[in-house]
PDB file of N, CA and C in Angstrom:
ATOM      1  N   LEU A   1       0.646  -1.206   0.114  1.00  0.00           N
ATOM      2  CA  LEU A   1       0.049  -0.189   0.024  1.00  0.00           C
ATOM      3  C   LEU A   1       0.902   1.173   0.100  1.00  0.00           C
ATOM      4  N   ASN A   2       2.170   1.359   0.881  1.00  0.00           N
ATOM      5  CA  ASN A   2       2.826   2.400   1.048  1.00  0.00           C
ATOM      6  C   ASN A   2       3.487   2.675  -0.504  1.00  0.00           C
ATOM      7  N   SER A   3       3.801   1.581  -1.141  1.00  0.00           N
ATOM      8  CA  SER A   3       4.392   1.655  -2.453  1.00  0.00           C
ATOM      9  C   SER A   3       3.529   2.318  -3.523  1.00  0.00           C
ATOM     10  N   ASN A   4       2.187   1.985  -3.434  1.00  0.00           N
ATOM     11  CA  ASN A   4       1.247   2.377  -4.428  1.00  0.00           C
ATOM     12  C   ASN A   4       1.085   3.975  -4.070  1.00  0.00           C
ATOM     13  N   ILE A   5       1.057   4.397  -2.683  1.00  0.00           N
ATOM     14  CA  ILE A   5       0.862   5.891  -2.278  1.00  0.00           C
ATOM     15  C   ILE A   5       2.052   6.575  -2.957  1.00  0.00           C
ATOM     16  N   SER A   6       3.027   6.203  -2.662  1.00  0.00           N
ATOM     17  CA  SER A   6       4.280   6.728  -3.131  1.00  0.00           C
ATOM     18  C   SER A   6       4.467   6.765  -4.587  1.00  0.00           C
ATOM     19  N   MET A   7       4.155   5.726  -5.347  1.00  0.00           N
ATOM     20  CA  MET A   7       4.104   6.047  -6.844  1.00  0.00           C
ATOM     21  C   MET A   7       3.048   6.871  -7.190  1.00  0.00           C
ATOM     22  N   LEU A   8       1.789   6.917  -6.633  1.00  0.00           N
ATOM     23  CA  LEU A   8       1.107   7.958  -7.054  1.00  0.00           C
ATOM     24  C   LEU A   8       1.468   9.309  -6.652  1.00  0.00           C
ATOM     25  N   ILE A   9       1.835   9.628  -5.681  1.00  0.00           N
ATOM     26  CA  ILE A   9       2.237  11.127  -5.093  1.00  0.00           C
ATOM     27  C   ILE A   9       3.600  11.500  -6.143  1.00  0.00           C
ATOM     28  N   GLN A  10       4.235  10.427  -6.699  1.00  0.00           N
ATOM     29  CA  GLN A  10       5.607  10.849  -7.587  1.00  0.00           C
ATOM     30  C   GLN A  10       4.704  11.244  -8.942  1.00  0.00           C
ATOM     31  N   SER A  11       3.910  10.200  -9.224  1.00  0.00           N
ATOM     32  CA  SER A  11       3.113  10.595 -10.740  1.00  0.00           C
ATOM     33  C   SER A  11       2.561  11.946 -10.791  1.00  0.00           C
ATOM     34  N   MET A  12       2.104  12.218  -9.523  1.00  0.00           N
ATOM     35  CA  MET A  12       1.354  13.795  -9.383  1.00  0.00           C
ATOM     36  C   MET A  12       2.309  15.008  -9.305  1.00  0.00           C
ATOM     37  N   GLY A  13       3.606  14.550  -9.375  1.00  0.00           N
ATOM     38  CA  GLY A  13       4.568  15.662  -9.450  1.00  0.00           C
ATOM     39  C   GLY A  13       5.277  15.954  -8.054  1.00  0.00           C
ATOM     40  N   GLY A  14       4.942  15.070  -7.071  1.00  0.00           N
ATOM     41  CA  GLY A  14       5.618  14.946  -5.840  1.00  0.00           C
ATOM     42  C   GLY A  14       7.037  14.464  -5.889  1.00  0.00           C
ATOM     43  N   THR A  15       7.872  14.895  -6.490  1.00  0.00           N
ATOM     44  CA  THR A  15       9.276  14.603  -6.573  1.00  0.00           C
ATOM     45  C   THR A  15      10.180  15.348  -5.635  1.00  0.00           C
ATOM     46  N   THR A  16       9.524  16.080  -4.716  1.00  0.00           N
ATOM     47  CA  THR A  16      10.285  16.848  -3.591  1.00  0.00           C
ATOM     48  C   THR A  16       9.803  16.446  -2.513  1.00  0.00           C
ATOM     49  N   ILE A  17      10.286  16.563  -1.185  1.00  0.00           N
ATOM     50  CA  ILE A  17       9.562  16.451  -0.116  1.00  0.00           C
ATOM     51  C   ILE A  17       8.439  17.591   0.361  1.00  0.00           C
ATOM     52  N   LEU A  18       8.610  18.722  -0.277  1.00  0.00           N
ATOM     53  CA  LEU A  18       7.661  19.924   0.052  1.00  0.00           C
ATOM     54  C   LEU A  18       6.291  19.550  -0.904  1.00  0.00           C
ATOM     55  N   ALA A  19       6.730  19.277  -2.232  1.00  0.00           N
ATOM     56  CA  ALA A  19       5.712  18.863  -3.241  1.00  0.00           C
ATOM     57  C   ALA A  19       4.888  17.607  -2.668  1.00  0.00           C
ATOM     58  N   ALA A  20       5.545  16.721  -2.113  1.00  0.00           N
ATOM     59  CA  ALA A  20       4.848  15.259  -1.761  1.00  0.00           C
ATOM     60  C   ALA A  20       3.959  15.602  -0.641  1.00  0.00           C
ATOM     61  N   TYR A  21       4.688  16.291   0.452  1.00  0.00           N
ATOM     62  CA  TYR A  21       3.741  16.582   1.516  1.00  0.00           C
ATOM     63  C   TYR A  21       2.696  17.586   1.226  1.00  0.00           C
ATOM     64  N   SER A  22       2.782  18.292   0.224  1.00  0.00           N
ATOM     65  CA  SER A  22       1.652  19.187  -0.035  1.00  0.00           C
ATOM     66  C   SER A  22       0.381  18.453  -0.669  1.00  0.00           C
ATOM     67  N   ILE A  23       1.077  17.347  -1.536  1.00  0.00           N
ATOM     68  CA  ILE A  23      -0.109  16.617  -2.215  1.00  0.00           C
ATOM     69  C   ILE A  23      -0.611  15.609  -1.084  1.00  0.00           C
ATOM     70  N   ALA A  24       0.088  15.160  -0.126  1.00  0.00           N
ATOM     71  CA  ALA A  24      -0.417  14.348   0.676  1.00  0.00           C
ATOM     72  C   ALA A  24      -1.533  14.985   1.706  1.00  0.00           C
ATOM     73  N   ILE A  25      -1.209  16.237   2.143  1.00  0.00           N
ATOM     74  CA  ILE A  25      -2.025  17.073   2.810  1.00  0.00           C
ATOM     75  C   ILE A  25      -3.519  17.347   2.249  1.00  0.00           C
ATOM     76  N   ARG A  26      -3.173  17.695   0.711  1.00  0.00           N
ATOM     77  CA  ARG A  26      -4.555  17.859  -0.064  1.00  0.00           C
ATOM     78  C   ARG A  26      -5.369  16.596  -0.021  1.00  0.00           C
ATOM     79  N   ALA A  27      -4.967  15.528  -0.300  1.00  0.00           N
ATOM     80  CA  ALA A  27      -5.463  14.261  -0.428  1.00  0.00           C
ATOM     81  C   ALA A  27      -6.166  13.888   0.854  1.00  0.00           C
ATOM     82  N   GLU A  28      -5.216  14.045   2.145  1.00  0.00           N
ATOM     83  CA  GLU A  28      -5.898  13.596   3.515  1.00  0.00           C
ATOM     84  C   GLU A  28      -7.260  14.713   3.732  1.00  0.00           C
ATOM     85  N   ASN A  29      -7.128  15.916   3.430  1.00  0.00           N
ATOM     86  CA  ASN A  29      -8.037  16.926   3.375  1.00  0.00           C
ATOM     87  C   ASN A  29      -9.452  16.404   2.672  1.00  0.00           C
ATOM     88  N   CYS A  30      -9.248  15.796   1.276  1.00  0.00           N
ATOM     89  CA  CYS A  30     -10.231  15.529   0.637  1.00  0.00           C
ATOM     90  C   CYS A  30     -11.102  14.323   1.207  1.00  0.00           C
ATOM     91  N   LEU A  31     -10.207  13.284   1.657  1.00  0.00           N
ATOM     92  CA  LEU A  31     -10.627  12.279   2.734  1.00  0.00           C
ATOM     93  C   LEU A  31     -11.625  12.528   3.848  1.00  0.00           C
ATOM     94  N   ILE A  32     -11.113  13.557   4.515  1.00  0.00           N
ATOM     95  CA  ILE A  32     -11.702  14.099   5.600  1.00  0.00           C
ATOM     96  C   ILE A  32     -13.174  14.672   5.224  1.00  0.00           C
ATOM     97  N   GLN A  33     -12.964  15.499   4.080  1.00  0.00           N
ATOM     98  CA  GLN A  33     -14.184  16.242   3.731  1.00  0.00           C
ATOM     99  C   GLN A  33     -15.255  15.129   3.204  1.00  0.00           C
ATOM    100  N   ALA A  34     -14.918  13.873   2.691  1.00  0.00           N
ATOM    101  CA  ALA A  34     -15.523  12.933   1.821  1.00  0.00           C
ATOM    102  C   ALA A  34     -16.086  11.978   3.264  1.00  0.00           C
ATOM    103  N   GLY A  35     -15.672  12.326   4.528  1.00  0.00           N
ATOM    104  CA  GLY A  35     -16.060  11.539   5.684  1.00  0.00           C
ATOM    105  C   GLY A  35     -15.260  10.087   5.688  1.00  0.00           C
ATOM    106  N   LYS A  36     -14.284   9.820   4.756  1.00  0.00           N
ATOM    107  CA  LYS A  36     -13.533   8.681   4.967  1.00  0.00           C
ATOM    108  C   LYS A  36     -12.515   8.366   5.865  1.00  0.00           C
ATOM    109  N   LEU A  37     -12.139   9.771   6.405  1.00  0.00           N
ATOM    110  CA  LEU A  37     -11.042  10.021   7.567  1.00  0.00           C
ATOM    111  C   LEU A  37     -11.550  10.610   8.575  1.00  0.00           C
ATOM    112  N   ALA A  38     -11.196  10.439   9.868  1.00  0.00           N
ATOM    113  CA  ALA A  38     -11.735  11.362  11.138  1.00  0.00           C
ATOM    114  C   ALA A  38     -10.888  12.341  10.927  1.00  0.00           C
ATOM    115  N   PRO A  39     -11.568  13.742  11.450  1.00  0.00           N
ATOM    116  CA  PRO A  39     -10.802  14.871  11.180  1.00  0.00           C
ATOM    117  C   PRO A  39      -9.769  14.789  12.483  1.00  0.00           C
ATOM    118  N   ARG A  40      -8.615  15.798  12.139  1.00  0.00           N
ATOM    119  CA  ARG A  40      -7.687  15.753  13.214  1.00  0.00           C
ATOM    120  C   ARG A  40      -8.102  16.420  14.634  1.00  0.00           C
ATOM    121  N   PRO A  41      -7.526  15.824  15.396  1.00  0.00           N
ATOM    122  CA  PRO A  41      -7.948  16.743  16.559  1.00  0.00           C
ATOM    123  C   PRO A  41      -7.192  18.096  16.740  1.00  0.00           C
ATOM    124  N   PRO A  42      -7.461  19.025  17.682  1.00  0.00           N
ATOM    125  CA  PRO A  42      -7.213  20.263  17.534  1.00  0.00           C
ATOM    126  C   PRO A  42      -5.819  20.442  18.076  1.00  0.00           C
ATOM    127  N   MET A  43      -4.751  21.118  17.748  1.00  0.00           N
ATOM    128  CA  MET A  43      -3.550  21.184  18.446  1.00  0.00           C
ATOM    129  C   MET A  43      -3.918  21.757  19.639  1.00  0.00           C
ATOM    130  N   PRO A  44      -2.927  21.119  20.517  1.00  0.00           N
ATOM    131  CA  PRO A  44      -3.112  21.519  21.938  1.00  0.00           C
ATOM    132  C   PRO A  44      -2.409  22.995  22.270  1.00  0.00           C
ATOM    133  N   PHE A  45      -3.081  23.529  23.069  1.00  0.00           N
ATOM    134  CA  PHE A  45      -2.756  25.029  23.522  1.00  0.00           C
ATOM    135  C   PHE A  45      -2.130  25.015  24.913  1.00  0.00           C
ATOM    136  N   TYR A  46      -1.062  25.391  25.286  1.00  0.00           N
ATOM    137  CA  TYR A  46      -0.408  25.627  26.311  1.00  0.00           C
ATOM    138  C   TYR A  46      -0.141  27.080  26.829  1.00  0.00           C
ATOM    139  N   PRO A  47      -0.903  27.968  27.378  1.00  0.00           N
ATOM    140  CA  PRO A  47      -0.568  29.337  27.291  1.00  0.00           C
ATOM    141  C   PRO A  47       0.475  29.670  28.390  1.00  0.00           C
ATOM    142  N   ASN A  48       0.793  28.799  29.218  1.00  0.00           N
ATOM    143  CA  ASN A  48       1.958  29.030  30.138  1.00  0.00           C
ATOM    144  C   ASN A  48       3.444  28.872  29.536  1.00  0.00           C
ATOM    145  N   LEU A  49       3.512  28.122  28.294  1.00  0.00           N
ATOM    146  CA  LEU A  49       4.838  28.174  27.630  1.00  0.00           C
ATOM    147  C   LEU A  49       5.116  29.533  27.060  1.00  0.00           C
ATOM    148  N   GLU A  50       6.505  29.604  26.959  1.00  0.00           N
ATOM    149  CA  GLU A  50       7.047  30.985  26.620  1.00  0.00           C
ATOM    150  C   GLU A  50       6.973  30.910  25.089  1.00  0.00           C
ATOM    151  N   SER A  51       6.598  31.867  24.501  1.00  0.00           N
ATOM    152  CA  SER A  51       6.575  32.173  22.888  1.00  0.00           C
ATOM    153  C   SER A  51       8.141  31.536  22.454  1.00  0.00           C
ATOM    154  N   PRO A  52       8.213  31.050  21.305  1.00  0.00           N
ATOM    155  CA  PRO A  52       9.620  30.696  20.915  1.00  0.00           C
ATOM    156  C   PRO A  52      10.129  31.904  20.385  1.00  0.00           C
ATOM    157  N   ARG A  53      11.597  32.245  20.579  1.00  0.00           N
ATOM    158  CA  ARG A  53      12.045  33.432  20.105  1.00  0.00           C
ATOM    159  C   ARG A  53      12.361  33.428  18.862  1.00  0.00           C
ATOM    160  N   THR A  54      12.463  34.412  18.166  1.00  0.00           N
ATOM    161  CA  THR A  54      12.846  34.578  16.680  1.00  0.00           C
ATOM    162  C   THR A  54      14.322  34.380  16.402  1.00  0.00           C
ATOM    163  N   SER A  55      14.767  33.795  15.466  1.00  0.00           N
ATOM    164  CA  SER A  55      16.238  33.995  15.496  1.00  0.00           C
ATOM    165  C   SER A  55      16.636  34.413  14.030  1.00  0.00           C
ATOM    166  N   GLN A  56      17.440  34.817  13.768  1.00  0.00           N
ATOM    167  CA  GLN A  56      18.181  35.392  12.494  1.00  0.00           C
ATOM    168  C   GLN A  56      18.451  33.990  11.488  1.00  0.00           C
ATOM    169  N   VAL A  57      17.772  33.948  10.495  1.00  0.00           N
ATOM    170  CA  VAL A  57      18.017  32.595   9.555  1.00  0.00           C
ATOM    171  C   VAL A  57      19.019  33.266   8.430  1.00  0.00           C
ATOM    172  N   PRO A  58      19.957  32.651   8.096  1.00  0.00           N
ATOM    173  CA  PRO A  58      20.805  32.942   7.039  1.00  0.00           C
ATOM    174  C   PRO A  58      20.389  32.734   5.974  1.00  0.00           C
ATOM    175  N   ASN A  59      20.669  33.763   4.770  1.00  0.00           N
ATOM    176  CA  ASN A  59      20.505  33.834   3.586  1.00  0.00           C
ATOM    177  C   ASN A  59      20.759  32.616   3.012  1.00  0.00           C
ATOM    178  N   LEU A  60      19.912  31.926   2.126  1.00  0.00           N
ATOM    179  CA  LEU A  60      19.893  30.477   1.349  1.00  0.00           C
ATOM    180  C   LEU A  60      20.403  31.086   0.250  1.00  0.00           C
ATOM    181  N   ALA A  61      21.431  29.830  -0.524  1.00  0.00           N
ATOM    182  CA  ALA A  61      22.193  29.969  -1.588  1.00  0.00           C
ATOM    183  C   ALA A  61      21.044  29.406  -2.635  1.00  0.00           C
ATOM    184  N   LEU A  62      20.933  30.089  -3.836  1.00  0.00           N
ATOM    185  CA  LEU A  62      20.035  29.683  -4.995  1.00  0.00           C
ATOM    186  C   LEU A  62      20.457  28.205  -5.312  1.00  0.00           C
ATOM    187  N   ILE A  63      19.287  27.651  -5.930  1.00  0.00           N
ATOM    188  CA  ILE A  63      19.777  26.505  -6.352  1.00  0.00           C
ATOM    189  C   ILE A  63      19.614  26.310  -7.881  1.00  0.00           C
ATOM    190  N   PRO A  64      20.774  25.787  -8.574  1.00  0.00           N
ATOM    191  CA  PRO A  64      21.124  26.023  -9.739  1.00  0.00           C
ATOM    192  C   PRO A  64      19.978  24.974 -10.315  1.00  0.00           C
ATOM    193  N   THR A  65      19.405  25.632 -11.643  1.00  0.00           N
ATOM    194  CA  THR A  65      18.339  24.788 -12.453  1.00  0.00           C
ATOM    195  C   THR A  65      19.187  24.208 -13.795  1.00  0.00           C
ATOM    196  N   PRO A  66      18.564  23.073 -14.298  1.00  0.00           N
ATOM    197  CA  PRO A  66      19.279  22.773 -15.480  1.00  0.00           C
ATOM    198  C   PRO A  66      19.001  23.708 -16.804  1.00  0.00           C
ATOM    199  N   ARG A  67      19.904  24.025 -17.248  1.00  0.00           N
ATOM    200  CA  ARG A  67      20.037  25.249 -18.481  1.00  0.00           C
ATOM    201  C   ARG A  67      19.020  24.600 -19.674  1.00  0.00           C
ATOM    202  N   ASN A  68      18.727  23.427 -19.820  1.00  0.00           N
ATOM    203  CA  ASN A  68      18.251  22.878 -20.918  1.00  0.00           C
ATOM    204  C   ASN A  68      16.825  22.810 -20.680  1.00  0.00           C
ATOM    205  N   GLN A  69      16.391  22.887 -19.469  1.00  0.00           N
ATOM    206  CA  GLN A  69      14.753  22.867 -19.410  1.00  0.00           C
ATOM    207  C   GLN A  69      14.166  24.389 -19.367  1.00  0.00           C
ATOM    208  N   ASN A  70      13.438  24.558 -20.519  1.00  0.00           N
ATOM    209  CA  ASN A  70      12.579  25.555 -20.757  1.00  0.00           C
ATOM    210  C   ASN A  70      11.490  25.807 -20.145  1.00  0.00           C
ATOM    211  N   SER A  71      11.046  27.104 -19.986  1.00  0.00           N
ATOM    212  CA  SER A  71       9.686  27.271 -19.133  1.00  0.00           C
ATOM    213  C   SER A  71       8.569  26.523 -19.973  1.00  0.00           C
ATOM    214  N   SER A  72       8.336  26.358 -20.916  1.00  0.00           N
ATOM    215  CA  SER A  72       7.226  25.439 -21.532  1.00  0.00           C
ATOM    216  C   SER A  72       7.084  24.238 -21.000  1.00  0.00           C
ATOM    217  N   GLU A  73       8.330  23.380 -20.920  1.00  0.00           N
ATOM    218  CA  GLU A  73       8.349  22.242 -20.513  1.00  0.00           C
ATOM    219  C   GLU A  73       7.750  22.011 -18.830  1.00  0.00           C
ATOM    220  N   ALA A  74       8.380  23.205 -18.011  1.00  0.00           N
ATOM    221  CA  ALA A  74       7.755  23.110 -16.715  1.00  0.00           C
ATOM    222  C   ALA A  74       6.538  23.491 -16.455  1.00  0.00           C
ATOM    223  N   SER A  75       6.036  24.521 -17.347  1.00  0.00           N
ATOM    224  CA  SER A  75       4.520  24.791 -17.542  1.00  0.00           C
ATOM    225  C   SER A  75       3.565  23.287 -17.727  1.00  0.00           C
ATOM    226  N   THR A  76       4.032  22.823 -18.892  1.00  0.00           N
ATOM    227  CA  THR A  76       3.345  21.398 -19.139  1.00  0.00           C
ATOM    228  C   THR A  76       3.437  20.176 -18.038  1.00  0.00           C
ATOM    229  N   SER A  77       4.479  20.092 -17.264  1.00  0.00           N
ATOM    230  CA  SER A  77       4.566  19.040 -16.383  1.00  0.00           C
ATOM    231  C   SER A  77       3.645  19.669 -15.113  1.00  0.00           C
ATOM    232  N   SER A  78       3.642  20.837 -14.826  1.00  0.00           N
ATOM    233  CA  SER A  78       2.722  21.439 -13.857  1.00  0.00           C
ATOM    234  C   SER A  78       1.436  21.106 -14.164  1.00  0.00           C
ATOM    235  N   SER A  79       0.910  21.628 -15.283  1.00  0.00           N
ATOM    236  CA  SER A  79      -0.388  21.438 -15.759  1.00  0.00           C
ATOM    237  C   SER A  79      -1.048  19.981 -15.915  1.00  0.00           C
ATOM    238  N   SER A  80       0.087  19.014 -16.239  1.00  0.00           N
ATOM    239  CA  SER A  80      -0.678  17.696 -16.250  1.00  0.00           C
ATOM    240  C   SER A  80      -0.744  17.132 -14.818  1.00  0.00           C
ATOM    241  N   ALA A  81       0.258  17.727 -13.979  1.00  0.00           N
ATOM    242  CA  ALA A  81       0.226  17.295 -12.537  1.00  0.00           C
ATOM    243  C   ALA A  81      -1.019  17.782 -11.747  1.00  0.00           C
ATOM    244  N   SER A  82      -1.397  19.004 -12.270  1.00  0.00           N
ATOM    245  CA  SER A  82      -2.764  19.365 -11.773  1.00  0.00           C
ATOM    246  C   SER A  82      -3.964  18.671 -12.326  1.00  0.00           C
ATOM    247  N   ASN A  83      -3.744  18.265 -13.624  1.00  0.00           N
ATOM    248  CA  ASN A  83      -5.042  17.442 -13.995  1.00  0.00           C
ATOM    249  C   ASN A  83      -5.033  16.239 -13.559  1.00  0.00           C
ATOM    250  N   GLU A  84      -3.984  15.482 -12.869  1.00  0.00           N
ATOM    251  CA  GLU A  84      -4.119  14.178 -12.426  1.00  0.00           C
ATOM    252  C   GLU A  84      -4.509  14.480 -11.020  1.00  0.00           C
ATOM    253  N   LEU A  85      -4.192  15.478 -10.396  1.00  0.00           N
ATOM    254  CA  LEU A  85      -4.736  15.829  -8.834  1.00  0.00           C
ATOM    255  C   LEU A  85      -6.262  16.007  -9.058  1.00  0.00           C
ATOM    256  N   GLN A  86      -6.862  16.602  -9.897  1.00  0.00           N
ATOM    257  CA  GLN A  86      -8.095  16.873 -10.166  1.00  0.00           C
ATOM    258  C   GLN A  86      -9.005  15.514 -10.381  1.00  0.00           C
ATOM    259  N   GLU A  87      -8.144  14.795 -11.242  1.00  0.00           N
ATOM    260  CA  GLU A  87      -8.874  13.275 -11.350  1.00  0.00           C
ATOM    261  C   GLU A  87      -9.054  12.644 -10.125  1.00  0.00           C
ATOM    262  N   VAL A  88      -7.867  12.648  -9.298  1.00  0.00           N
ATOM    263  CA  VAL A  88      -7.868  11.902  -8.095  1.00  0.00           C
ATOM    264  C   VAL A  88      -8.922  12.410  -6.991  1.00  0.00           C
ATOM    265  N   MET A  89      -9.031  13.890  -7.036  1.00  0.00           N
ATOM    266  CA  MET A  89      -9.994  14.483  -6.434  1.00  0.00           C
ATOM    267  C   MET A  89     -11.604  14.007  -6.532  1.00  0.00           C
ATOM    268  N   LYS A  90     -11.693  13.675  -7.874  1.00  0.00           N
ATOM    269  CA  LYS A  90     -13.064  13.778  -8.152  1.00  0.00           C
ATOM    270  C   LYS A  90     -13.281  12.123  -7.921  1.00  0.00           C
ATOM    271  N   GLN A  91     -12.206  11.098  -8.081  1.00  0.00           N
ATOM    272  CA  GLN A  91     -12.336   9.948  -7.620  1.00  0.00           C
ATOM    273  C   GLN A  91     -12.654   9.636  -6.177  1.00  0.00           C
ATOM    274  N   LEU A  92     -12.080  10.753  -5.445  1.00  0.00           N
ATOM    275  CA  LEU A  92     -12.277  10.569  -3.822  1.00  0.00           C
ATOM    276  C   LEU A  92     -13.532  11.174  -3.600  1.00  0.00           C
ATOM    277  N   GLN A  93     -13.963  12.090  -4.220  1.00  0.00           N
ATOM    278  CA  GLN A  93     -15.350  12.628  -3.600  1.00  0.00           C
ATOM    279  C   GLN A  93     -16.377  11.498  -4.449  1.00  0.00           C
ATOM    280  N   SER A  94     -16.300  10.690  -5.065  1.00  0.00           N
ATOM    281  CA  SER A  94     -17.372   9.666  -5.510  1.00  0.00           C
ATOM    282  C   SER A  94     -17.359   8.685  -4.656  1.00  0.00           C
ATOM    283  N   LEU A  95     -16.295   8.512  -3.642  1.00  0.00           N
ATOM    284  CA  LEU A  95     -16.317   7.400  -2.750  1.00  0.00           C
ATOM    285  C   LEU A  95     -17.574   7.368  -1.610  1.00  0.00           C
TER     286      LEU A  95
END
């Protein structure tokens, strides 16, 4: 089951951790709205804890992108992933 889920997320464009997490959260929300999963419990609130201190975050280096990939390829792959996500959403809603 986990390998099927992994393959589905990768086929929908979840090739990075951030993209895979986003897809998984959207799918989970769809299942909750369809009544197939119980809603998540609320996050606990502890008023007596100190708020976390903000710290300076160093500037991040830019990640180089392949020069042979043009913008039309990127938009085509993102629109195909979006279409696949819409198909999965329709299937989940029909459950």
